[in-house]
Protein backbone atom coordinates (compact mmCIF):
# COMPACT_ATOMS: atom_id res chain seq x y z
CA MET A 1 -1.12 27.60 -44.91
CA THR A 2 2.08 29.55 -46.03
CA THR A 3 5.16 28.93 -44.57
CA ALA A 4 5.27 32.44 -43.25
CA LYS A 5 2.00 31.99 -41.32
CA ARG A 6 3.35 28.72 -39.95
CA THR A 7 6.46 29.96 -38.48
CA LYS A 8 4.65 33.33 -37.02
CA LYS A 9 2.16 30.72 -35.41
CA GLN A 10 5.18 28.63 -34.04
CA SER A 11 7.16 31.41 -32.60
CA LYS A 12 3.84 32.34 -30.98
CA LEU A 13 4.00 29.25 -29.06
CA PHE A 14 7.47 30.26 -27.57
CA ASP A 15 6.76 33.74 -26.89
CA ARG A 16 6.89 34.31 -23.14
CA ALA A 17 5.04 37.35 -22.89
CA TRP A 18 1.93 35.17 -24.83
CA LEU A 19 2.40 32.40 -22.44
CA GLY A 20 2.44 34.50 -19.28
CA LYS A 21 -0.79 36.09 -20.58
CA GLN A 22 -2.70 32.61 -21.10
CA LEU A 23 -1.70 31.47 -17.80
CA ILE A 24 -3.11 34.55 -16.21
CA THR A 25 -6.11 34.18 -18.24
CA HIS A 26 -6.71 30.90 -17.25
CA SER A 27 -5.43 30.45 -13.87
CA VAL A 28 -8.24 29.18 -12.25
CA ALA A 29 -8.03 26.15 -14.55
CA VAL A 30 -4.24 25.67 -14.04
CA VAL A 31 -4.86 25.79 -10.33
CA SER A 32 -7.75 23.22 -10.54
CA LEU A 33 -5.61 20.97 -12.38
CA ILE A 34 -2.74 21.08 -10.10
CA THR A 35 -5.24 20.50 -7.03
CA ALA A 36 -6.97 17.49 -8.86
CA ILE A 37 -3.49 16.01 -9.30
CA VAL A 38 -2.46 16.34 -5.99
CA GLY A 39 -5.44 15.31 -4.77
CA LEU A 40 -5.35 11.90 -6.93
CA SER A 41 -1.73 11.42 -6.09
CA TYR A 42 -2.70 11.60 -2.03
CA ASN A 43 -5.62 9.31 -2.53
CA ALA A 44 -3.58 6.92 -4.46
CA TRP A 45 -0.88 6.89 -1.65
CA GLN A 46 -3.51 6.79 1.31
CA ALA A 47 -5.14 3.62 -0.44
CA ASN A 48 -1.68 1.96 -0.54
CA GLN A 49 -1.16 2.68 3.35
CA ASN A 50 -4.66 1.24 3.98
CA GLU A 51 -3.97 -1.86 2.24
CA ILE A 52 -0.72 -2.58 3.84
CA ASN A 53 -2.40 -1.79 7.21
CA GLN A 54 -5.06 -3.98 6.54
CA ASN A 55 -2.97 -6.74 5.62
CA MET A 56 -0.74 -6.40 8.81
CA ARG A 57 -3.82 -6.53 10.82
CA VAL A 58 -5.22 -9.61 9.20
CA ALA A 59 -1.68 -11.23 9.53
CA ALA A 60 -1.41 -10.05 13.20
CA PHE A 61 -4.69 -11.81 14.11
CA GLU A 62 -3.97 -15.08 12.24
CA VAL A 63 -0.54 -15.37 14.14
CA LEU A 64 -2.50 -14.97 17.53
CA LYS A 65 -5.16 -17.47 16.48
CA ASN A 66 -2.16 -19.76 15.36
CA LEU A 67 -0.27 -19.35 18.31
CA GLY A 68 -3.58 -20.25 20.41
CA GLU A 69 -4.17 -23.28 18.53
CA LEU A 70 -0.18 -24.11 18.78
CA GLN A 71 -0.66 -23.57 22.76
CA THR A 72 -3.50 -26.04 22.88
CA VAL A 73 -1.64 -28.81 21.15
CA VAL A 74 1.40 -28.33 23.14
CA ASN A 75 -0.73 -28.68 26.36
CA TYR A 76 -2.31 -32.01 25.13
CA ALA A 77 1.10 -33.40 24.10
CA HIS A 78 2.42 -32.15 27.59
CA PHE A 79 0.07 -32.50 30.18
CA SER A 80 -2.55 -35.18 28.61
CA GLU A 81 -0.20 -36.94 26.64
CA ASP A 82 -2.67 -37.44 24.25
CA LYS A 83 -1.01 -38.55 20.93
CA THR A 84 -3.97 -37.48 18.33
CA ARG A 85 -4.71 -33.91 19.86
CA GLY A 86 -1.27 -33.35 20.75
CA SER A 87 0.52 -34.64 17.64
CA ALA A 88 4.01 -33.10 16.70
CA ILE A 89 2.91 -32.73 12.95
CA GLU A 90 -0.09 -30.56 14.06
CA GLY A 91 2.03 -28.58 16.11
CA TRP A 92 4.73 -27.97 13.21
CA LYS A 93 1.78 -26.82 10.91
CA HIS A 94 1.11 -24.07 13.19
CA VAL A 95 4.45 -23.21 13.77
CA SER A 96 5.34 -22.82 9.93
CA MET A 97 2.28 -20.69 9.46
CA VAL A 98 3.35 -18.03 12.07
CA ARG A 99 6.66 -18.19 10.76
CA ASP A 100 5.44 -17.45 7.31
CA LEU A 101 2.69 -14.81 8.43
CA SER A 102 5.68 -12.98 10.50
CA HIS A 103 7.12 -11.82 7.22
CA LEU A 104 4.16 -9.60 6.68
CA LEU A 105 4.56 -8.03 10.16
CA LYS A 106 7.05 -5.03 10.74
CA PRO A 107 9.42 -5.90 13.56
CA MET A 108 9.25 -4.36 17.08
CA PRO A 109 11.34 -1.27 17.81
CA PRO A 110 14.18 -1.66 20.12
């Protein structure tokens, strides 16, 4: 390929009229590409939000479960004075689990 043909071809790439004609000719493809990119971006964002919500839901149920078990341990320790079922170590296990899981939950609005 000669230098004259190469520069003519390169100048054609930067010609605004030629670019406008190509965009009009391939407008359906351009719109389809933009729609696909926007749809893919929204799908990725929605999947991320669903994952966050699922993690919060699981953490919230685990917190409730551990609070119920902690209440049982406290009841045995206080009312029955049962040292095996109302062990302080067993109670602190539930307290630390609730503390760790509470970092996954959003704070309550004021």
